[in-house]
Every structure is written in structure tokens, then in C-alpha cells.
C-alpha atoms as a PDB file:
ATOM      1  CA  MET A   1     -26.963 -31.745 127.249  1.00  0.00           C
ATOM      2  CA  ARG A   2     -25.561 -35.173 126.850  1.00  0.00           C
ATOM      3  CA  ARG A   3     -26.480 -36.855 123.584  1.00  0.00           C
ATOM      4  CA  VAL A   4     -28.176 -40.186 124.076  1.00  0.00           C
ATOM      5  CA  ILE A   5     -27.216 -42.812 121.509  1.00  0.00           C
ATOM      6  CA  LYS A   6     -29.789 -45.501 120.971  1.00  0.00           C
ATOM      7  CA  GLU A   7     -28.826 -48.802 119.461  1.00  0.00           C
ATOM      8  CA  VAL A   8     -31.052 -50.052 116.721  1.00  0.00           C
ATOM      9  CA  SER A   9     -31.986 -53.635 117.273  1.00  0.00           C
ATOM     10  CA  LEU A  10     -31.854 -55.992 114.330  1.00  0.00           C
ATOM     11  CA  SER A  11     -34.946 -57.591 115.753  1.00  0.00           C
ATOM     12  CA  SER A  12     -37.049 -54.692 114.473  1.00  0.00           C
ATOM     13  CA  GLY A  13     -38.612 -54.344 111.019  1.00  0.00           C
ATOM     14  CA  LEU A  14     -38.536 -57.342 108.678  1.00  0.00           C
ATOM     15  CA  TRP A  15     -36.043 -59.140 110.900  1.00  0.00           C
ATOM     16  CA  SER A  16     -38.646 -59.254 113.669  1.00  0.00           C
ATOM     17  CA  LEU A  17     -40.839 -61.395 111.420  1.00  0.00           C
ATOM     18  CA  PRO A  18     -40.454 -65.049 110.523  1.00  0.00           C
ATOM     19  CA  ASP A  19     -38.816 -65.549 107.110  1.00  0.00           C
ATOM     20  CA  GLU A  20     -42.057 -66.867 105.659  1.00  0.00           C
ATOM     21  CA  VAL A  21     -43.943 -63.713 106.679  1.00  0.00           C
ATOM     22  CA  ALA A  22     -41.106 -61.421 105.553  1.00  0.00           C
ATOM     23  CA  LEU A  23     -41.000 -63.069 102.123  1.00  0.00           C
ATOM     24  CA  ASN A  24     -44.765 -62.686 101.849  1.00  0.00           C
ATOM     25  CA  CYS A  25     -44.373 -58.930 102.451  1.00  0.00           C
ATOM     26  CA  LEU A  26     -41.509 -58.593  99.961  1.00  0.00           C
ATOM     27  CA  ALA A  27     -43.506 -60.460  97.313  1.00  0.00           C
ATOM     28  CA  HIS A  28     -45.655 -57.328  96.922  1.00  0.00           C
ATOM     29  CA  VAL A  29     -42.696 -54.953  96.521  1.00  0.00           C
ATOM     30  CA  SER A  30     -41.670 -53.812  93.023  1.00  0.00           C
ATOM     31  CA  ARG A  31     -38.515 -55.303  91.551  1.00  0.00           C
ATOM     32  CA  LEU A  32     -36.898 -51.863  91.385  1.00  0.00           C
ATOM     33  CA  ASP A  33     -37.472 -51.359  95.119  1.00  0.00           C
ATOM     34  CA  LEU A  34     -36.230 -54.880  95.855  1.00  0.00           C
ATOM     35  CA  ALA A  35     -32.968 -54.065  94.079  1.00  0.00           C
ATOM     36  CA  ALA A  36     -32.634 -50.850  96.093  1.00  0.00           C
ATOM     37  CA  LEU A  37     -33.286 -52.764  99.320  1.00  0.00           C
ATOM     38  CA  ALA A  38     -30.613 -55.348  98.468  1.00  0.00           C
ATOM     39  CA  VAL A  39     -28.057 -52.585  97.867  1.00  0.00           C
ATOM     40  CA  ALA A  40     -29.000 -50.541 100.939  1.00  0.00           C
ATOM     41  CA  SER A  41     -29.253 -53.380 103.442  1.00  0.00           C
ATOM     42  CA  LYS A  42     -26.891 -56.338 103.638  1.00  0.00           C
ATOM     43  CA  CYS A  43     -29.154 -57.802 106.275  1.00  0.00           C
ATOM     44  CA  HIS A  44     -32.093 -58.079 103.868  1.00  0.00           C
ATOM     45  CA  ARG A  45     -30.100 -59.100 100.776  1.00  0.00           C
ATOM     46  CA  SER A  46     -30.431 -62.815 101.495  1.00  0.00           C
ATOM     47  CA  LEU A  47     -34.236 -62.492 101.513  1.00  0.00           C
ATOM     48  CA  VAL A  48     -34.301 -60.452  98.295  1.00  0.00           C
ATOM     49  CA  VAL A  49     -32.216 -62.989  96.334  1.00  0.00           C
ATOM     50  CA  SER A  50     -34.027 -66.012  97.724  1.00  0.00           C
ATOM     51  CA  PRO A  51     -35.382 -68.264  94.936  1.00  0.00           C
ATOM     52  CA  HIS A  52     -38.473 -68.771  97.093  1.00  0.00           C
ATOM     53  CA  LEU A  53     -39.261 -65.077  96.636  1.00  0.00           C
ATOM     54  CA  TRP A  54     -39.630 -65.463  92.850  1.00  0.00           C
ATOM     55  CA  ASP A  55     -41.905 -68.485  93.327  1.00  0.00           C
ATOM     56  CA  LEU A  56     -44.046 -66.503  95.752  1.00  0.00           C
ATOM     57  CA  ARG A  57     -44.190 -63.454  93.455  1.00  0.00           C
ATOM     58  CA  TYR A  58     -45.199 -65.739  90.582  1.00  0.00           C
ATOM     59  CA  LEU A  59     -48.007 -67.346  92.610  1.00  0.00           C
ATOM     60  CA  LYS A  60     -49.290 -63.930  93.715  1.00  0.00           C
ATOM     61  CA  GLY A  61     -49.099 -62.464  90.194  1.00  0.00           C
ATOM     62  CA  SER A  62     -46.542 -59.877  91.333  1.00  0.00           C
ATOM     63  CA  ILE A  63     -43.856 -60.597  88.746  1.00  0.00           C
ATOM     64  CA  GLU A  64     -43.031 -57.715  86.413  1.00  0.00           C
ATOM     65  CA  PRO A  65     -41.926 -57.766  82.779  1.00  0.00           C
ATOM     66  CA  SER A  66     -38.428 -56.346  82.350  1.00  0.00           C
ATOM     67  CA  LEU A  67     -36.665 -55.613  79.068  1.00  0.00           C
ATOM     68  CA  TYR A  68     -33.378 -57.474  78.606  1.00  0.00           C
ATOM     69  CA  VAL A  69     -31.001 -56.457  75.834  1.00  0.00           C
ATOM     70  CA  CYS A  70     -27.843 -58.185  74.593  1.00  0.00           C
ATOM     71  CA  LEU A  71     -25.284 -55.796  73.080  1.00  0.00           C
ATOM     72  CA  HIS A  72     -22.061 -56.496  71.243  1.00  0.00           C
ATOM     73  CA  ILE A  73     -19.940 -53.410  71.791  1.00  0.00           C
ATOM     74  CA  LEU A  74     -17.057 -53.562  69.322  1.00  0.00           C
ATOM     75  CA  PRO A  75     -14.185 -54.216  69.620  1.00  0.00           C
ATOM     76  CA  GLU A  76     -14.980 -56.006  72.924  1.00  0.00           C
ATOM     77  CA  PRO A  77     -14.718 -59.765  72.315  1.00  0.00           C
ATOM     78  CA  ASN A  78     -17.859 -60.849  74.181  1.00  0.00           C
ATOM     79  CA  PRO A  79     -21.455 -59.622  74.239  1.00  0.00           C
ATOM     80  CA  ARG A  80     -22.822 -57.902  77.330  1.00  0.00           C
ATOM     81  CA  TRP A  81     -26.321 -58.095  78.794  1.00  0.00           C
ATOM     82  CA  PHE A  82     -28.353 -55.183  80.118  1.00  0.00           C
ATOM     83  CA  ILE A  83     -31.727 -54.538  81.730  1.00  0.00           C
ATOM     84  CA  LEU A  84     -33.742 -51.396  81.017  1.00  0.00           C
ATOM     85  CA  ASN A  85     -34.342 -49.257  84.099  1.00  0.00           C
ATOM     86  CA  PRO A  86     -38.036 -48.291  83.678  1.00  0.00           C
ATOM     87  CA  MET A  87     -37.662 -45.022  85.593  1.00  0.00           C
ATOM     88  CA  GLN A  88     -34.455 -43.700  84.021  1.00  0.00           C
ATOM     89  CA  ARG A  89     -35.030 -45.446  80.671  1.00  0.00           C
ATOM     90  CA  ARG A  90     -31.374 -46.357  80.507  1.00  0.00           C
ATOM     91  CA  LEU A  91     -29.765 -49.748  80.004  1.00  0.00           C
ATOM     92  CA  LYS A  92     -28.023 -50.998  83.139  1.00  0.00           C
ATOM     93  CA  PRO A  93     -25.415 -53.810  82.920  1.00  0.00           C
ATOM     94  CA  ILE A  94     -26.058 -57.083  84.706  1.00  0.00           C
ATOM     95  CA  ARG A  95     -23.607 -59.737  85.854  1.00  0.00           C
ATOM     96  CA  SER A  96     -21.348 -60.888  83.029  1.00  0.00           C
ATOM     97  CA  ASN A  97     -21.197 -64.471  81.819  1.00  0.00           C
ATOM     98  CA  ARG A  98     -17.958 -65.997  83.101  1.00  0.00           C
ATOM     99  CA  TYR A  99     -17.929 -68.248  80.052  1.00  0.00           C
ATOM    100  CA  GLU A 100     -17.033 -67.001  76.578  1.00  0.00           C
ATOM    101  CA  GLU A 101     -20.233 -66.551  74.609  1.00  0.00           C
ATOM    102  CA  ALA A 102     -20.748 -66.576  70.863  1.00  0.00           C
ATOM    103  CA  HIS A 103     -20.115 -63.189  69.283  1.00  0.00           C
ATOM    104  CA  SER A 104     -23.161 -63.245  67.013  1.00  0.00           C
ATOM    105  CA  LEU A 105     -25.867 -65.325  65.297  1.00  0.00           C
ATOM    106  CA  SER A 106     -27.025 -67.047  68.495  1.00  0.00           C
ATOM    107  CA  SER A 107     -30.616 -68.170  68.899  1.00  0.00           C
ATOM    108  CA  PHE A 108     -32.657 -67.143  71.927  1.00  0.00           C
ATOM    109  CA  VAL A 109     -35.643 -68.672  73.707  1.00  0.00           C
ATOM    110  CA  VAL A 110     -37.485 -66.923  76.560  1.00  0.00           C
ATOM    111  CA  ILE A 111     -39.225 -68.785  79.369  1.00  0.00           C
ATOM    112  CA  ASP A 112     -40.953 -67.420  82.468  1.00  0.00           C
ATOM    113  CA  TRP A 113     -37.816 -66.482  84.396  1.00  0.00           C
ATOM    114  CA  GLY A 114     -34.930 -66.505  81.952  1.00  0.00           C
ATOM    115  CA  ILE A 115     -33.376 -66.730  78.511  1.00  0.00           C
ATOM    116  CA  PHE A 116     -31.651 -69.616  76.715  1.00  0.00           C
ATOM    117  CA  ILE A 117     -28.723 -68.571  74.477  1.00  0.00           C
ATOM    118  CA  ILE A 118     -28.190 -71.272  71.864  1.00  0.00           C
ATOM    119  CA  GLY A 119     -25.285 -71.708  69.455  1.00  0.00           C
ATOM    120  CA  GLY A 120     -23.876 -68.828  67.435  1.00  0.00           C
ATOM    121  CA  VAL A 121     -20.476 -67.923  65.998  1.00  0.00           C
ATOM    122  CA  ARG A 122     -17.335 -67.764  68.138  1.00  0.00           C
ATOM    123  CA  ASN A 123     -13.886 -67.213  66.626  1.00  0.00           C
ATOM    124  CA  GLY A 124     -15.404 -67.508  63.159  1.00  0.00           C
ATOM    125  CA  GLU A 125     -16.928 -70.953  63.721  1.00  0.00           C
ATOM    126  CA  PRO A 126     -20.410 -72.182  64.766  1.00  0.00           C
ATOM    127  CA  THR A 127     -20.615 -73.461  68.327  1.00  0.00           C
ATOM    128  CA  THR A 128     -22.611 -76.088  70.195  1.00  0.00           C
ATOM    129  CA  ASP A 129     -22.787 -74.013  73.401  1.00  0.00           C
ATOM    130  CA  VAL A 130     -26.041 -73.542  75.312  1.00  0.00           C
ATOM    131  CA  PHE A 131     -26.342 -71.081  78.211  1.00  0.00           C
ATOM    132  CA  PHE A 132     -29.207 -70.054  80.480  1.00  0.00           C
ATOM    133  CA  LEU A 133     -29.543 -66.567  81.957  1.00  0.00           C
ATOM    134  CA  ASP A 134     -31.616 -66.638  85.151  1.00  0.00           C
ATOM    135  CA  CYS A 135     -33.289 -63.210  85.043  1.00  0.00           C
ATOM    136  CA  PHE A 136     -34.357 -63.287  88.686  1.00  0.00           C
ATOM    137  CA  GLU A 137     -30.908 -63.933  90.169  1.00  0.00           C
ATOM    138  CA  HIS A 138     -28.963 -62.601  87.140  1.00  0.00           C
ATOM    139  CA  SER A 139     -26.885 -65.772  87.231  1.00  0.00           C
ATOM    140  CA  TRP A 140     -25.468 -67.826  84.368  1.00  0.00           C
ATOM    141  CA  ASN A 141     -25.597 -71.582  83.828  1.00  0.00           C
ATOM    142  CA  ARG A 142     -23.799 -73.596  81.171  1.00  0.00           C
ATOM    143  CA  LEU A 143     -26.055 -76.399  79.940  1.00  0.00           C
ATOM    144  CA  GLN A 144     -25.498 -79.558  77.946  1.00  0.00           C
ATOM    145  CA  SER A 145     -24.115 -78.744  74.510  1.00  0.00           C
ATOM    146  CA  MET A 146     -25.928 -79.481  71.272  1.00  0.00           C
ATOM    147  CA  TYR A 147     -24.833 -82.400  69.124  1.00  0.00           C
ATOM    148  CA  VAL A 148     -24.265 -80.168  66.071  1.00  0.00           C
ATOM    149  CA  PRO A 149     -22.673 -76.685  65.937  1.00  0.00           C
ATOM    150  CA  ARG A 150     -25.288 -74.159  64.841  1.00  0.00           C
ATOM    151  CA  ALA A 151     -25.400 -70.461  63.983  1.00  0.00           C
ATOM    152  CA  SER A 152     -28.440 -68.382  63.056  1.00  0.00           C
ATOM    153  CA  ALA A 153     -30.709 -71.334  63.779  1.00  0.00           C
ATOM    154  CA  THR A 154     -34.437 -71.202  64.512  1.00  0.00           C
ATOM    155  CA  ALA A 155     -35.333 -72.135  68.085  1.00  0.00           C
ATOM    156  CA  CYS A 156     -38.707 -72.315  69.804  1.00  0.00           C
ATOM    157  CA  LEU A 157     -40.341 -73.634  72.954  1.00  0.00           C
ATOM    158  CA  ILE A 158     -43.051 -76.264  72.420  1.00  0.00           C
ATOM    159  CA  GLY A 159     -44.533 -77.627  75.615  1.00  0.00           C
ATOM    160  CA  LYS A 160     -41.587 -78.153  77.923  1.00  0.00           C
ATOM    161  CA  LYS A 161     -39.003 -78.812  75.200  1.00  0.00           C
ATOM    162  CA  ILE A 162     -36.871 -76.491  73.080  1.00  0.00           C
ATOM    163  CA  TYR A 163     -36.598 -77.368  69.412  1.00  0.00           C
ATOM    164  CA  VAL A 164     -33.731 -76.015  67.293  1.00  0.00           C
ATOM    165  CA  PHE A 165     -33.868 -76.091  63.503  1.00  0.00           C
ATOM    166  CA  GLY A 166     -31.248 -75.323  60.844  1.00  0.00           C
ATOM    167  CA  GLY A 167     -28.200 -73.183  61.311  1.00  0.00           C
ATOM    168  CA  CYS A 168     -25.828 -76.024  60.485  1.00  0.00           C
ATOM    169  CA  GLY A 169     -24.916 -75.184  56.899  1.00  0.00           C
ATOM    170  CA  ASP A 170     -28.011 -76.283  54.980  1.00  0.00           C
ATOM    171  CA  GLU A 171     -29.295 -73.047  53.462  1.00  0.00           C
ATOM    172  CA  ALA A 172     -32.928 -72.797  52.362  1.00  0.00           C
ATOM    173  CA  ASP A 173     -34.046 -71.010  49.202  1.00  0.00           C
ATOM    174  CA  SER A 174     -34.018 -67.299  50.103  1.00  0.00           C
ATOM    175  CA  LEU A 175     -37.088 -66.724  47.908  1.00  0.00           C
ATOM    176  CA  ASN A 176     -39.099 -69.169  50.005  1.00  0.00           C
ATOM    177  CA  TRP A 177     -38.051 -68.182  53.496  1.00  0.00           C
ATOM    178  CA  ALA A 178     -41.562 -68.700  54.935  1.00  0.00           C
ATOM    179  CA  GLU A 179     -44.384 -70.985  53.870  1.00  0.00           C
ATOM    180  CA  THR A 180     -47.789 -71.872  55.300  1.00  0.00           C
ATOM    181  CA  SER A 181     -50.795 -73.665  53.811  1.00  0.00           C
ATOM    182  CA  GLY A 182     -49.322 -73.491  50.323  1.00  0.00           C
ATOM    183  CA  LYS A 183     -48.613 -69.738  50.518  1.00  0.00           C
ATOM    184  CA  THR A 184     -45.029 -68.627  50.056  1.00  0.00           C
ATOM    185  CA  ASP A 185     -43.361 -65.268  50.646  1.00  0.00           C
ATOM    186  CA  SER A 186     -41.790 -64.403  47.307  1.00  0.00           C
ATOM    187  CA  LYS A 187     -40.418 -60.997  48.301  1.00  0.00           C
ATOM    188  CA  PRO A 188     -36.791 -61.453  49.367  1.00  0.00           C
ATOM    189  CA  GLY A 189     -35.402 -58.771  51.608  1.00  0.00           C
ATOM    190  CA  HIS A 190     -34.131 -58.061  55.095  1.00  0.00           C
ATOM    191  CA  ARG A 191     -36.239 -60.456  57.199  1.00  0.00           C
ATOM    192  CA  SER A 192     -33.834 -61.208  60.044  1.00  0.00           C
ATOM    193  CA  ASP A 193     -35.952 -59.410  62.634  1.00  0.00           C
ATOM    194  CA  TRP A 194     -39.649 -59.978  63.107  1.00  0.00           C
ATOM    195  CA  CYS A 195     -42.321 -60.296  65.774  1.00  0.00           C
ATOM    196  CA  VAL A 196     -45.930 -61.403  66.069  1.00  0.00           C
ATOM    197  CA  ILE A 197     -48.710 -59.241  67.528  1.00  0.00           C
ATOM    198  CA  GLY A 198     -52.097 -60.921  67.474  1.00  0.00           C
ATOM    199  CA  LYS A 199     -52.308 -62.602  64.088  1.00  0.00           C
ATOM    200  CA  LEU A 200     -50.103 -60.052  62.313  1.00  0.00           C
ATOM    201  CA  LEU A 201     -46.401 -60.284  61.436  1.00  0.00           C
ATOM    202  CA  PHE A 202     -44.165 -57.227  61.744  1.00  0.00           C
ATOM    203  CA  PHE A 203     -40.682 -56.764  60.274  1.00  0.00           C
ATOM    204  CA  ARG A 204     -38.077 -54.047  60.305  1.00  0.00           C
ATOM    205  CA  GLY A 205     -37.514 -52.516  56.910  1.00  0.00           C
ATOM    206  CA  THR A 206     -34.939 -50.015  55.691  1.00  0.00           C
ATOM    207  CA  ARG A 207     -34.770 -46.278  56.491  1.00  0.00           C
ATOM    208  CA  GLY A 208     -36.710 -46.670  59.725  1.00  0.00           C
ATOM    209  CA  ARG A 209     -39.722 -48.352  58.142  1.00  0.00           C
ATOM    210  CA  ILE A 210     -41.762 -51.103  59.793  1.00  0.00           C
ATOM    211  CA  LEU A 211     -43.591 -53.580  57.539  1.00  0.00           C
ATOM    212  CA  TRP A 212     -46.574 -55.762  58.410  1.00  0.00           C
ATOM    213  CA  CYS A 213     -48.727 -58.460  56.858  1.00  0.00           C
ATOM    214  CA  ASP A 214     -51.607 -60.800  57.684  1.00  0.00           C
ATOM    215  CA  PRO A 215     -50.437 -64.336  56.761  1.00  0.00           C
ATOM    216  CA  ASP A 216     -54.072 -65.442  56.337  1.00  0.00           C
ATOM    217  CA  ASP A 217     -54.342 -62.983  53.438  1.00  0.00           C
ATOM    218  CA  GLY A 218     -50.987 -63.900  51.908  1.00  0.00           C
ATOM    219  CA  PHE A 219     -47.560 -62.386  52.452  1.00  0.00           C
ATOM    220  CA  ASP A 220     -48.410 -58.991  50.991  1.00  0.00           C
ATOM    221  CA  TRP A 221     -46.260 -56.534  52.911  1.00  0.00           C
ATOM    222  CA  GLU A 222     -47.535 -53.084  53.838  1.00  0.00           C
ATOM    223  CA  GLU A 223     -45.832 -50.226  55.649  1.00  0.00           C
ATOM    224  CA  VAL A 224     -46.993 -49.067  59.082  1.00  0.00           C
ATOM    225  CA  LYS A 225     -48.322 -45.542  58.520  1.00  0.00           C
ATOM    226  CA  GLY A 226     -48.087 -42.453  60.699  1.00  0.00           C
ATOM    227  CA  LEU A 227     -44.330 -42.692  61.300  1.00  0.00           C
ATOM    228  CA  GLU A 228     -43.173 -40.512  58.398  1.00  0.00           C
ATOM    229  CA  ASP A 229     -41.881 -37.633  60.566  1.00  0.00           C
ATOM    230  CA  PHE A 230     -40.140 -40.113  62.823  1.00  0.00           C
ATOM    231  CA  GLN A 231     -38.479 -41.801  59.831  1.00  0.00           C
ATOM    232  CA  ASP A 232     -37.129 -38.428  58.663  1.00  0.00           C
ATOM    233  CA  SER A 233     -34.966 -38.396  61.785  1.00  0.00           C
ATOM    234  CA  PHE A 234     -33.187 -41.568  60.617  1.00  0.00           C
ATOM    235  CA  CYS A 235     -30.476 -39.610  58.857  1.00  0.00           C
ATOM    236  CA  GLY A 236     -27.552 -37.483  59.947  1.00  0.00           C
ATOM    237  CA  LEU A 237     -23.952 -36.536  59.363  1.00  0.00           C
ATOM    238  CA  ILE A 238     -20.801 -38.278  60.523  1.00  0.00           C
ATOM    239  CA  GLN A 239     -17.224 -37.066  60.148  1.00  0.00           C
ATOM    240  CA  PRO A 240     -14.591 -39.808  60.121  1.00  0.00           C
ATOM    241  CA  TRP A 241     -11.245 -38.736  61.500  1.00  0.00           C
ATOM    242  CA  GLY A 242      -9.578 -36.361  59.068  1.00  0.00           C
ATOM    243  CA  LEU A 243     -12.313 -36.641  56.438  1.00  0.00           C
ATOM    244  CA  ALA A 244     -15.244 -34.501  55.348  1.00  0.00           C
ATOM    245  CA  LYS A 245     -18.719 -34.933  56.793  1.00  0.00           C
ATOM    246  CA  THR A 246     -20.776 -37.666  55.177  1.00  0.00           C
ATOM    247  CA  LYS A 247     -24.563 -38.028  55.162  1.00  0.00           C
ATOM    248  CA  VAL A 248     -25.708 -41.377  56.537  1.00  0.00           C
ATOM    249  CA  GLN A 249     -29.060 -43.135  56.764  1.00  0.00           C
ATOM    250  CA  TYR A 250     -29.842 -45.011  59.980  1.00  0.00           C
ATOM    251  CA  ASP A 251     -31.714 -48.281  60.131  1.00  0.00           C
ATOM    252  CA  ILE A 252     -33.626 -50.038  62.874  1.00  0.00           C
ATOM    253  CA  ASN A 253     -31.229 -52.726  64.110  1.00  0.00           C
ATOM    254  CA  LYS A 254     -33.589 -54.630  66.416  1.00  0.00           C
ATOM    255  CA  LEU A 255     -37.324 -54.988  66.902  1.00  0.00           C
ATOM    256  CA  CYS A 256     -39.407 -56.754  69.565  1.00  0.00           C
ATOM    257  CA  THR A 257     -42.741 -56.437  71.370  1.00  0.00           C
ATOM    258  CA  ASP A 258     -43.663 -55.415  74.900  1.00  0.00           C
ATOM    259  CA  PRO A 259     -46.397 -56.993  77.078  1.00  0.00           C
ATOM    260  CA  ALA A 260     -48.874 -54.279  76.054  1.00  0.00           C
ATOM    261  CA  GLY A 261     -48.673 -55.267  72.380  1.00  0.00           C
ATOM    262  CA  ASN A 262     -46.483 -52.336  71.331  1.00  0.00           C
ATOM    263  CA  ILE A 263     -43.400 -52.537  69.125  1.00  0.00           C
ATOM    264  CA  VAL A 264     -40.026 -51.697  70.677  1.00  0.00           C
ATOM    265  CA  ILE A 265     -37.254 -50.689  68.283  1.00  0.00           C
ATOM    266  CA  PHE A 266     -33.553 -49.892  68.647  1.00  0.00           C
ATOM    267  CA  TRP A 267     -31.262 -47.932  66.364  1.00  0.00           C
ATOM    268  CA  ASN A 268     -27.802 -46.339  66.430  1.00  0.00           C
ATOM    269  CA  ASN A 269     -27.228 -42.618  66.199  1.00  0.00           C
ATOM    270  CA  PRO A 270     -23.634 -42.111  64.985  1.00  0.00           C
ATOM    271  CA  ASP A 271     -23.938 -38.350  65.573  1.00  0.00           C
ATOM    272  CA  SER A 272     -24.030 -38.809  69.339  1.00  0.00           C
ATOM    273  CA  LEU A 273     -22.567 -42.334  69.735  1.00  0.00           C
ATOM    274  CA  GLU A 274     -25.873 -43.310  71.329  1.00  0.00           C
ATOM    275  CA  LEU A 275     -28.180 -46.285  71.086  1.00  0.00           C
ATOM    276  CA  TRP A 276     -31.773 -45.098  70.912  1.00  0.00           C
ATOM    277  CA  SER A 277     -35.025 -46.904  71.595  1.00  0.00           C
ATOM    278  CA  ALA A 278     -38.679 -46.135  70.982  1.00  0.00           C
ATOM    279  CA  VAL A 279     -41.998 -47.704  71.890  1.00  0.00           C
ATOM    280  CA  ILE A 280     -44.606 -47.608  69.113  1.00  0.00           C
ATOM    281  CA  SER A 281     -48.287 -48.307  69.739  1.00  0.00           C
ATOM    282  CA  LEU A 282     -50.349 -49.694  66.868  1.00  0.00           C
ATOM    283  CA  LYS A 283     -53.900 -49.043  65.688  1.00  0.00           C
ATOM    284  CA  SER A 284     -55.870 -50.874  63.015  1.00  0.00           C
ATOM    285  CA  CYS A 285     -57.655 -48.549  60.547  1.00  0.00           C
ATOM    286  CA  ASN A 286     -59.909 -48.825  57.485  1.00  0.00           C
ATOM    287  CA  GLY A 287     -61.300 -52.202  58.370  1.00  0.00           C
ATOM    288  CA  GLY A 288     -57.902 -53.706  59.074  1.00  0.00           C
ATOM    289  CA  SER A 289     -56.392 -52.771  55.718  1.00  0.00           C
ATOM    290  CA  GLU A 290     -54.080 -50.208  57.315  1.00  0.00           C
ATOM    291  CA  ILE A 291     -51.972 -50.118  60.473  1.00  0.00           C
ATOM    292  CA  LYS A 292     -50.988 -46.786  62.018  1.00  0.00           C
ATOM    293  CA  GLY A 293     -48.211 -46.313  64.530  1.00  0.00           C
ATOM    294  CA  ASN A 294     -47.762 -43.730  67.267  1.00  0.00           C
ATOM    295  CA  ILE A 295     -44.531 -42.975  69.154  1.00  0.00           C
ATOM    296  CA  GLU A 296     -45.256 -43.430  72.870  1.00  0.00           C
ATOM    297  CA  TRP A 297     -41.725 -42.525  73.953  1.00  0.00           C
ATOM    298  CA  SER A 298     -38.289 -42.273  72.400  1.00  0.00           C
ATOM    299  CA  SER A 299     -34.914 -41.647  74.044  1.00  0.00           C
ATOM    300  CA  ALA A 300     -31.263 -42.648  74.184  1.00  0.00           C
ATOM    301  CA  VAL A 301     -30.839 -45.771  76.332  1.00  0.00           C
ATOM    302  CA  PHE A 302     -27.082 -46.320  76.004  1.00  0.00           C
ATOM    303  CA  LYS A 303     -24.088 -44.142  75.139  1.00  0.00           C
ATOM    304  CA  LEU A 304     -20.710 -45.282  73.869  1.00  0.00           C
ATOM    305  CA  ASP A 305     -17.488 -43.931  75.306  1.00  0.00           C
ATOM    306  CA  PRO A 306     -17.033 -40.512  73.624  1.00  0.00           C
ATOM    307  CA  LEU A 307     -13.244 -40.980  73.688  1.00  0.00           C
ATOM    308  CA  SER A 308     -13.444 -44.168  71.634  1.00  0.00           C
ATOM    309  CA  THR A 309     -12.343 -44.244  67.999  1.00  0.00           C
ATOM    310  CA  SER A 310     -14.724 -44.416  65.041  1.00  0.00           C
ATOM    311  CA  SER A 311     -14.187 -48.171  64.848  1.00  0.00           C
ATOM    312  CA  TYR A 312     -16.271 -48.630  67.990  1.00  0.00           C
ATOM    313  CA  SER A 313     -19.931 -49.455  67.472  1.00  0.00           C
ATOM    314  CA  VAL A 314     -22.771 -51.218  69.239  1.00  0.00           C
ATOM    315  CA  ASN A 315     -24.948 -53.950  67.779  1.00  0.00           C
ATOM    316  CA  VAL A 316     -28.156 -55.156  69.407  1.00  0.00           C
ATOM    317  CA  LEU A 317     -28.035 -58.954  69.232  1.00  0.00           C
ATOM    318  CA  TYR A 318     -31.267 -59.620  71.089  1.00  0.00           C
ATOM    319  CA  SER A 319     -34.012 -57.927  73.086  1.00  0.00           C
ATOM    320  CA  ALA A 320     -37.021 -59.352  74.884  1.00  0.00           C
ATOM    321  CA  TYR A 321     -39.246 -58.879  77.909  1.00  0.00           C
ATOM    322  CA  VAL A 322     -38.897 -61.468  80.673  1.00  0.00           C
ATOM    323  CA  ASN A 323     -41.176 -61.873  83.703  1.00  0.00           C
ATOM    324  CA  ALA A 324     -39.069 -61.864  86.825  1.00  0.00           C
END
């Protein structure tokens, strides 16, 4: 029997529809499926990457929060950006910045569809550079530089303007790092990572601890309870080349929040050369005088090259959810 070969017409499927109708259909498709469609079909890629698609998804409320993470993998000179695959729970690299970014101490501001990377240290000196990562197209834009080089500055979005404070050499008193309505935090410590959930402040402490306070009641720090067994796992053994095994204590190296009001943490596990992440839900107890945490999930999200030397390490510079 002779095999009959039928030609598939490009006029079928989405291509049989006007672009406006096709975009309207794609606006309801998940971002993960859109990425798969762009890889599988060159014909549909132009529709998937269309900037009009993001606008349509935004208007229809179809945009999805995605976790973006900036890693500095030593001894690589430049940071690299990743997005968390929600199904595999692994960090996947995105398009690299063709410009040389700061190595550390940059400030970051999130808007609806992207992230501003402001200042930082490059080649040992503060920089005036400002970049924008478009999280829908995964494209990079170099913006107008700042007037003053800054590193470890404070940056925030107010209205439609970004304000950047400090980071240019004028150091504040470390005992008065935060002040509001005459109340001052007088407990110096590691306060470089914090987030706000509701009216509460949360910070990463040492040995896997998470601290919280209600600024309205003063800066009296308490520990999030219920994570004691989890904190016990923040220790292990490493064996430098040619030396005996040494017991080490891990620390949380980055902390942020997700759209559901949970805390997302990252930490390094030198035993397995892996970067781990966990999502912790929070519950107020005893009339608000105690906060309890519960591990919703925890897994390795990134693994270093096992053939690398002990000098290799990974540092989480920034993490945040972006709607795209």
C-alpha cells in the first residue's frame, strides 16, 4: 500500500487566526507553556515574544509571579541571573547581560515587569551604572548613569520615580541603623537582609534563625519559632583538599517574600556543593506575641560543578518575585 504524505498547511491552528485573536488566546496560556511553545515552534515564537502579549496578559490578570535570582558564582567575574522553574524547582539561567555588571553591593528595585540594578562594586570601586532587566523578554538595557558612584545604597520606588540614598561613602552610626517616630534599633547585628510582611519586619539571623519584630511596638527582636529541627540541619562537615574534616555551620545567605506572604530563604550546603532554598509559611500565635514558621517545601535549586576546586562558591546577591 502506498503511503500517502499529507502536507500540513501553516494556515491551520493559530496561524489561521488574525494576530489579534491569536494573541488573545495566548494571553491565557501559562508562562511555562509559552516558553515551551517558543522553543518547539519557530513559527509561533514571534507571537510569544511580542511586547503586546505582556500588555494583554496584564490587562486580563494573567501575569504570573516568577522568582528571579542573581548569583555570583566565584571565581566567575560577573553575576548571572536565573529564574526558578516552578515544576522542577531548579534555577534556570536566562540571557546574560552583555555589559559588565557590578560584582556585589548593587541595589535592586522591582517594578511590574522587570528589575533595576543600581550601582555596586566593580573592580574594587563603586560604580554609577544602572541597568534594567526586562523579565518578560529577558532582555537587558543600559540606562542613564547616576551622578555619584554608589555601592550598598538604599533604593526604592515612590510613585513613578526611583530614589537612591547613601552608598557613597557617608556611613551612618551602626547602632542607629533604623529609626521611626523617635524609636531607634539599638541592637547591632547582621541586618543586611530583611523583608516586610504585613506590618512586621523579618531578618535573617545566624545559624538558620529568622528574627521578626513589630516596629509599632519598638525594635524588640524575637525568633520565629517552630523551625528548630530545620535549623539543626544547618551544620555539616567539609574536607578541604589534603586536610581533615571540619565541622561548619551554615547560614541563610538571602531572604525574600513570595506573593502568598511566605518567606523564601537560600543557603549553601558545602557538603554537596548545592544551593538550597525553602519556602516558610508563617502563623501568628498567642495574640500576636509569637510567630511560628512551617516548612512548605525545601530542596536544592542549583548545583556547582563537582569538578571545581574548593575555592568555588556561590553567593546569592538578590532574589525577588516579578510579575511577567
